[in-house]
Protein backbone atom coordinates (compact mmCIF):
# COMPACT_ATOMS: atom_id res chain seq x y z
CA MET A 1 -19.47 -10.09 123.16
CA THR A 2 -19.69 -8.43 126.55
CA SER A 3 -21.53 -5.17 127.15
CA THR A 4 -21.39 -2.09 129.32
CA PHE A 5 -24.09 -2.02 132.00
CA SER A 6 -25.51 0.94 133.83
CA ARG A 7 -26.03 0.74 137.58
CA ARG A 8 -29.80 0.36 137.03
CA GLN A 9 -29.25 -2.63 134.72
CA PHE A 10 -26.81 -4.10 137.20
CA LEU A 11 -29.26 -3.96 140.07
CA GLY A 12 -32.11 -5.16 137.91
CA ALA A 13 -30.14 -8.23 136.94
CA ALA A 14 -29.79 -9.31 140.57
CA ALA A 15 -33.00 -11.27 140.42
CA ALA A 16 -31.53 -13.52 137.77
CA LEU A 17 -28.75 -14.66 140.06
CA GLY A 18 -30.75 -16.01 142.99
CA ALA A 19 -29.36 -19.11 144.58
CA ALA A 20 -26.67 -19.40 141.93
CA SER A 21 -24.69 -16.61 143.56
CA LEU A 22 -21.44 -17.60 145.24
CA GLY A 23 -22.52 -15.32 148.05
CA SER A 24 -25.25 -17.79 149.00
CA MET A 25 -22.76 -20.44 150.11
CA PRO A 26 -22.93 -21.44 153.78
CA ALA A 27 -20.33 -20.04 156.16
CA TRP A 28 -18.83 -23.49 156.73
CA ALA A 29 -17.66 -23.50 153.10
CA GLN A 30 -14.75 -21.20 154.01
CA THR A 31 -11.67 -23.34 154.42
CA GLN A 32 -8.93 -21.09 153.05
CA PRO A 33 -7.88 -17.51 153.86
CA LEU A 34 -9.07 -14.84 151.47
CA THR A 35 -6.49 -14.51 148.66
CA ILE A 36 -6.42 -11.36 146.56
CA GLY A 37 -4.47 -10.65 143.38
CA TRP A 38 -3.58 -7.04 142.69
CA TYR A 39 -0.57 -4.91 141.83
CA PRO A 40 3.04 -4.67 143.02
CA GLY A 41 4.89 -1.47 143.83
CA GLN A 42 3.33 1.83 144.87
CA LEU A 43 -0.10 0.93 143.52
CA GLY A 44 -0.25 -2.31 145.48
CA ASN A 45 0.96 -0.56 148.63
CA ASN A 46 -1.76 2.06 148.24
CA PHE A 47 -4.37 -0.67 147.76
CA ARG A 48 -3.17 -2.38 150.92
CA ARG A 49 -3.28 0.78 153.02
CA SER A 50 -6.68 1.83 151.68
CA PHE A 51 -8.57 -1.44 151.47
CA LEU A 52 -6.88 -3.94 153.81
CA ASP A 53 -5.77 -1.69 156.65
CA THR A 54 -9.32 -0.35 156.92
CA TYR A 55 -10.83 -3.87 156.95
CA PRO A 56 -11.21 -5.70 160.29
CA ALA A 57 -10.37 -9.08 158.72
CA GLY A 58 -7.64 -7.64 156.51
CA LYS A 59 -4.71 -9.02 158.49
CA SER A 60 -5.67 -12.59 157.65
CA ALA A 61 -5.90 -11.97 153.89
CA ARG A 62 -3.16 -13.13 151.53
CA ILE A 63 -1.98 -10.87 148.70
CA ILE A 64 -0.40 -12.08 145.45
CA GLU A 65 1.17 -9.18 143.57
CA SER A 66 1.45 -9.13 139.79
CA PHE A 67 0.32 -7.09 136.81
CA ASP A 68 -2.80 -7.89 134.81
CA ASN A 69 -1.31 -10.10 132.10
CA ALA A 70 0.65 -12.26 134.52
CA ARG A 71 -2.33 -12.53 136.89
CA PHE A 72 -4.68 -13.64 134.14
CA THR A 73 -2.12 -16.13 132.82
CA GLN A 74 -1.77 -17.66 136.29
CA MET A 75 -5.54 -17.84 136.66
CA GLN A 76 -5.73 -19.76 133.40
CA ALA A 77 -2.92 -22.09 134.44
CA ASN A 78 -4.62 -22.74 137.80
CA ARG A 79 -8.10 -23.22 136.37
CA SER A 80 -8.54 -26.66 137.97
CA ASN A 81 -7.13 -25.54 141.32
CA PRO A 82 -7.55 -21.74 141.62
CA ASN A 83 -5.33 -19.89 144.09
CA LEU A 84 -7.20 -16.57 144.03
CA HIS A 85 -10.61 -15.52 145.29
CA ILE A 86 -10.46 -11.93 144.07
CA GLY A 87 -8.59 -10.32 141.19
CA VAL A 88 -8.26 -6.64 140.31
CA PHE A 89 -7.88 -5.63 136.65
CA THR A 90 -7.91 -2.60 134.39
CA ASP A 91 -10.41 -2.57 131.52
CA VAL A 92 -7.95 -3.83 128.90
CA LEU A 93 -8.30 -7.53 129.71
CA LEU A 94 -11.81 -7.58 131.15
CA PRO A 95 -13.60 -8.75 127.95
CA LEU A 96 -11.25 -11.74 127.75
CA ILE A 97 -11.51 -12.46 131.46
CA ALA A 98 -15.30 -12.23 131.45
CA ARG A 99 -15.48 -14.82 128.67
CA SER A 100 -12.92 -17.13 130.29
CA GLY A 101 -15.26 -18.80 132.76
CA LEU A 102 -12.78 -17.98 135.55
CA ILE A 103 -14.85 -15.26 137.25
CA SER A 104 -18.43 -15.35 138.49
CA LEU A 105 -21.34 -12.96 138.28
CA MET A 106 -21.73 -10.79 141.35
CA ASP A 107 -24.97 -10.58 143.29
CA PRO A 108 -26.02 -7.15 144.62
CA ALA A 109 -27.95 -8.91 147.38
CA THR A 110 -24.64 -9.98 148.96
CA ILE A 111 -22.80 -6.72 148.14
CA PRO A 112 -25.21 -3.99 149.33
CA ASN A 113 -22.77 -1.11 148.73
CA LEU A 114 -23.24 -1.66 145.00
CA LYS A 115 -26.35 0.50 145.26
CA ASP A 116 -24.16 3.53 146.03
CA ILE A 117 -22.01 3.37 142.89
CA ASP A 118 -21.86 6.72 141.07
CA PRO A 119 -24.41 6.33 138.24
CA ARG A 120 -21.95 7.91 135.79
CA VAL A 121 -19.67 4.90 136.22
CA LYS A 122 -20.47 2.11 133.78
CA LEU A 123 -19.79 -1.55 134.40
CA PRO A 124 -17.43 -2.62 131.61
CA VAL A 125 -18.45 -6.29 131.46
CA GLY A 126 -21.79 -6.29 133.20
CA LEU A 127 -22.09 -8.31 136.38
CA HIS A 128 -18.65 -9.85 136.01
CA ALA A 129 -16.67 -6.89 137.39
CA VAL A 130 -17.20 -3.63 139.23
CA PRO A 131 -14.82 -0.65 139.25
CA VAL A 132 -13.44 0.23 142.68
CA THR A 133 -11.82 3.48 141.55
CA TYR A 134 -10.81 5.32 138.42
CA GLY A 135 -8.09 7.73 137.49
CA ALA A 136 -6.93 9.44 134.33
CA TRP A 137 -4.27 8.38 131.84
CA GLY A 138 -2.52 11.55 130.79
CA ILE A 139 1.05 12.87 130.83
CA ALA A 140 3.49 13.23 133.72
CA TYR A 141 6.23 15.80 133.25
CA ASN A 142 8.98 17.50 135.24
CA ALA A 143 8.09 21.19 135.47
CA LYS A 144 11.65 22.08 136.49
CA ARG A 145 13.10 20.75 133.25
CA VAL A 146 10.19 21.45 130.88
CA LYS A 147 10.10 25.23 130.45
CA LYS A 148 6.90 25.29 128.39
CA PRO A 149 4.13 23.34 130.16
CA VAL A 150 2.83 20.17 128.53
CA THR A 151 -0.78 20.65 127.42
CA SER A 152 -1.34 18.20 124.54
CA TRP A 153 -0.61 14.66 123.44
CA ALA A 154 1.23 16.27 120.54
CA ASP A 155 3.74 17.73 123.02
CA LEU A 156 5.30 14.26 123.38
CA LEU A 157 6.79 14.95 119.93
CA ARG A 158 7.89 18.54 120.65
CA ALA A 159 11.37 19.43 119.46
CA ASP A 160 12.41 20.87 122.84
CA LEU A 161 11.58 17.55 124.53
CA LYS A 162 13.26 15.32 121.94
CA GLY A 163 15.44 12.71 123.60
CA HIS A 164 13.74 13.14 126.97
CA VAL A 165 10.36 11.48 126.37
CA SER A 166 9.38 7.88 126.99
CA SER A 167 6.19 5.83 127.04
CA PRO A 168 5.15 2.33 128.09
CA ASN A 169 5.78 -0.59 125.76
CA ILE A 170 2.99 -2.85 124.50
CA THR A 171 3.69 -5.31 127.34
CA TYR A 172 2.26 -2.63 129.67
CA ASN A 173 -1.47 -2.60 128.94
CA SER A 174 -2.00 1.14 129.35
CA SER A 175 0.23 1.69 126.31
CA VAL A 176 -2.95 1.24 124.27
CA TYR A 177 -4.32 4.56 125.57
CA THR A 178 -1.24 6.37 124.30
CA LEU A 179 -1.42 4.58 120.96
CA ASP A 180 -5.00 5.76 120.45
CA ALA A 181 -4.11 9.30 121.56
CA MET A 182 -1.19 9.61 119.18
CA ALA A 183 -3.19 8.11 116.31
CA SER A 184 -6.05 10.55 116.92
CA LEU A 185 -3.69 13.50 116.37
CA GLU A 186 -3.67 12.50 112.69
CA GLY A 187 -7.35 11.57 112.48
CA GLY A 188 -6.76 7.94 113.41
CA SER A 189 -7.87 5.79 116.31
CA LEU A 190 -7.43 2.34 117.79
CA ARG A 191 -9.11 1.03 114.64
CA LYS A 192 -6.77 3.09 112.45
CA PRO A 193 -3.54 3.11 114.46
CA ASP A 194 -0.89 3.66 111.76
CA ALA A 195 -0.08 7.26 112.74
CA GLY A 196 0.02 6.26 116.40
CA LEU A 197 2.42 3.38 115.75
CA LYS A 198 4.69 5.72 113.77
CA ALA A 199 4.65 8.28 116.61
CA MET A 200 5.47 5.59 119.17
CA HIS A 201 8.44 4.48 117.05
CA THR A 202 9.68 8.09 117.01
CA ILE A 203 9.39 8.31 120.79
CA ARG A 204 11.19 4.99 121.28
CA THR A 205 14.13 5.80 119.00
CA SER A 206 14.65 9.45 119.96
CA GLY A 207 14.94 8.87 123.72
CA PRO A 208 16.12 6.17 126.13
CA GLY A 209 13.44 3.78 124.86
CA LEU A 210 10.11 2.52 126.13
CA TRP A 211 9.55 1.25 129.65
CA ASP A 212 7.98 -2.08 130.61
CA GLN A 213 7.84 -1.52 134.36
CA GLU A 214 6.84 1.51 136.40
CA SER A 215 10.09 1.28 138.37
CA ILE A 216 11.99 2.06 135.16
CA ALA A 217 9.84 5.11 134.41
CA LEU A 218 10.21 6.28 138.01
CA GLY A 219 13.99 5.87 137.90
CA TRP A 220 14.28 7.77 134.62
CA LEU A 221 12.11 10.61 135.96
CA LYS A 222 14.22 10.85 139.13
CA THR A 223 17.54 10.94 137.28
CA GLY A 224 16.27 13.36 134.65
CA GLU A 225 16.87 10.92 131.81
CA ILE A 226 13.28 11.54 130.81
CA TRP A 227 11.24 14.67 131.40
CA ALA A 228 7.84 13.44 130.27
CA THR A 229 5.91 10.18 129.86
CA PRO A 230 2.28 9.10 129.66
CA TYR A 231 1.27 7.97 133.14
CA PHE A 232 -1.56 7.27 135.56
CA SER A 233 -2.83 10.27 137.52
CA GLY A 234 -2.90 8.55 140.92
CA ASN A 235 0.73 7.54 140.66
CA VAL A 236 1.71 11.07 139.68
CA LEU A 237 -0.01 12.48 142.78
CA ALA A 238 1.84 9.89 144.88
CA MET A 239 5.17 10.72 143.19
CA ALA A 240 4.70 14.41 143.89
CA ARG A 241 5.04 13.60 147.62
CA ASP A 242 8.56 12.26 146.97
CA PRO A 243 11.21 14.96 147.66
CA ASP A 244 13.07 13.81 144.54
CA LEU A 245 9.98 14.37 142.39
CA GLN A 246 8.41 17.47 143.90
CA ASP A 247 8.43 19.16 140.48
CA ILE A 248 6.37 16.42 138.84
CA ARG A 249 3.10 17.54 137.30
CA PHE A 250 0.15 15.77 135.70
CA CYS A 251 -1.34 17.03 132.45
CA VAL A 252 -4.88 16.31 131.32
CA PRO A 253 -4.20 16.87 127.59
CA SER A 254 -6.39 19.34 125.75
CA GLU A 255 -7.63 16.50 123.53
CA GLY A 256 -8.69 14.59 126.63
CA ALA A 257 -7.25 12.11 129.10
CA TYR A 258 -8.43 8.50 129.25
CA SER A 259 -10.57 6.85 131.87
CA LEU A 260 -8.56 4.20 133.71
CA PRO A 261 -10.84 2.22 136.03
CA MET A 262 -9.57 -0.64 138.16
CA SER A 263 -12.23 -3.27 138.64
CA ILE A 264 -12.63 -6.04 141.17
CA THR A 265 -13.67 -9.54 140.09
CA ARG A 266 -14.89 -12.57 142.02
CA VAL A 267 -12.89 -15.65 140.98
CA VAL A 268 -14.76 -18.94 140.67
CA ASN A 269 -13.34 -20.50 143.81
CA PRO A 270 -15.65 -21.46 146.71
CA SER A 271 -12.90 -22.20 149.23
CA ALA A 272 -13.18 -18.85 151.06
CA GLY A 273 -16.93 -19.00 151.54
CA ASN A 274 -18.56 -15.56 151.70
CA ALA A 275 -15.33 -13.73 152.55
CA PRO A 276 -14.81 -12.41 148.98
CA GLU A 277 -18.26 -10.79 148.91
CA ALA A 278 -17.69 -9.26 152.34
CA PHE A 279 -14.38 -7.78 151.21
CA ILE A 280 -15.80 -6.43 147.94
CA ASN A 281 -18.59 -4.80 149.92
CA HIS A 282 -16.02 -3.18 152.22
CA VAL A 283 -13.95 -1.91 149.29
CA LEU A 284 -17.04 -0.20 147.87
CA GLY A 285 -17.98 1.38 151.22
CA VAL A 286 -17.45 5.04 152.10
CA GLU A 287 -14.56 4.49 154.55
CA ALA A 288 -12.42 2.48 152.16
CA GLN A 289 -13.32 4.66 149.19
CA GLU A 290 -12.32 7.84 150.99
CA ALA A 291 -9.11 6.20 152.22
CA TRP A 292 -8.24 5.25 148.65
CA ALA A 293 -8.95 8.75 147.37
CA ARG A 294 -6.56 10.23 149.99
CA ILE A 295 -3.85 7.59 149.63
CA GLY A 296 -4.12 6.42 146.03
CA GLY A 297 -5.17 9.68 144.42
CA GLY A 298 -8.06 8.20 142.44
CA ARG A 299 -11.70 9.11 142.16
CA PRO A 300 -13.94 7.12 144.52
CA ILE A 301 -16.71 5.01 142.99
CA ASN A 302 -19.10 5.40 145.90
CA ALA A 303 -21.23 8.48 145.21
CA LYS A 304 -21.37 9.25 148.95
CA ALA A 305 -17.58 9.41 149.35
CA LYS A 306 -15.83 12.77 149.54
CA VAL A 307 -13.32 13.65 146.81
CA PRO A 308 -10.10 15.40 147.95
CA ALA A 309 -9.43 18.71 146.23
CA GLU A 310 -6.17 17.52 144.62
CA VAL A 311 -7.96 14.50 143.12
CA ALA A 312 -10.85 16.60 141.85
CA ALA A 313 -8.35 18.96 140.21
CA THR A 314 -6.39 16.12 138.58
CA VAL A 315 -9.01 13.57 137.56
CA PRO A 316 -12.05 14.79 135.58
CA THR A 317 -15.28 12.92 136.27
CA ILE A 318 -15.59 9.78 134.22
CA ASP A 319 -18.13 11.28 131.82
CA ARG A 320 -15.45 13.80 130.76
CA LEU A 321 -12.76 11.20 130.07
CA ARG A 322 -12.10 9.32 126.86
CA THR A 323 -12.76 5.59 126.66
CA LEU A 324 -11.72 2.79 124.32
CA ASP A 325 -13.54 -0.15 122.78
CA TRP A 326 -11.87 -2.96 124.73
CA ASN A 327 -14.01 -5.61 123.07
CA TYR A 328 -12.47 -4.61 119.75
CA PHE A 329 -8.99 -4.64 121.24
CA ALA A 330 -9.58 -8.09 122.77
CA GLU A 331 -10.58 -9.43 119.36
CA GLN A 332 -7.54 -7.89 117.68
CA ARG A 333 -5.03 -8.27 120.51
CA SER A 334 -2.59 -10.56 118.71
CA ALA A 335 -2.67 -8.37 115.61
CA PHE A 336 -1.92 -5.27 117.70
CA VAL A 337 1.06 -6.95 119.35
CA ASP A 338 2.40 -8.06 115.98
CA ARG A 339 1.99 -4.63 114.41
CA TRP A 340 3.61 -2.96 117.40
CA ALA A 341 6.59 -5.30 117.09
CA ALA A 342 6.87 -4.66 113.36
CA VAL A 343 6.57 -0.85 113.52
CA VAL A 344 7.36 0.50 116.99
CA ASN A 345 10.04 -1.94 118.09
CA ARG A 346 11.67 -2.54 114.71
């Protein structure tokens, strides 16, 4: 089992790493360009503008775009000859990834900006990963079409929205947040998801269906085929800048939105020398963190970074957001997929 570390525990554990840290490798060990795995689409573009364009060595880095499941699958397939040095993941898969042997422990001695992490931000799998930002998983809706504002997870089942609501399918990891939210409306949870699965089936069959890719959700929102869907706060802020989506709004439901951190990991691959540690340190620095907050619409992790007003208004601080037990989900992952198929997608 993995555990959640505080910043104090993280820094205290540095002494245990010592010479074993990948960051202690000599400079001559770098033989390949830094290769980073993160997301496609708007999210990946925002990452590039925030973290690479602000990095002096960013032009020489190679980016491989994919979503979490595909990235982890490729890492497993390439175990004997890894093609990544850094991977970015949401919390859903981190317990599995931390136990896989594919990522290394990070050493604060080689990543000095770790000392400036907001102490409210917990490390989901200890020294194996560090969040670089977090946003909120709530509800996006079109204020032009929805006459009564969305304020609750229960509103996804409102009669006046019937036929115009969607949600991500189980193949999209953040669907688990919505499952827990809908289950909790009936006193359930991730551990008691029956009511949530039933609600997700209702949403799937009463509208155009569930989406597997963000491009589908975006297209449906633009055409008006859907008026509301659970979504990530940063992407909603980005969409609001699109003239076709200027009426889009983000709702932090009254029952609470969910914390959605994106964490950086150091892949076990010595071929880029110390370049991965240098990049991670940059990503956690004030300049990159403030660039991400402006461009990506997420909360910065660095406690010294300024938070734009629109981000502060959209994303509650992490101590005010709901979280899930991802260790439990990792243990029950196959069962969840099977139950989703049997109930939601039947």
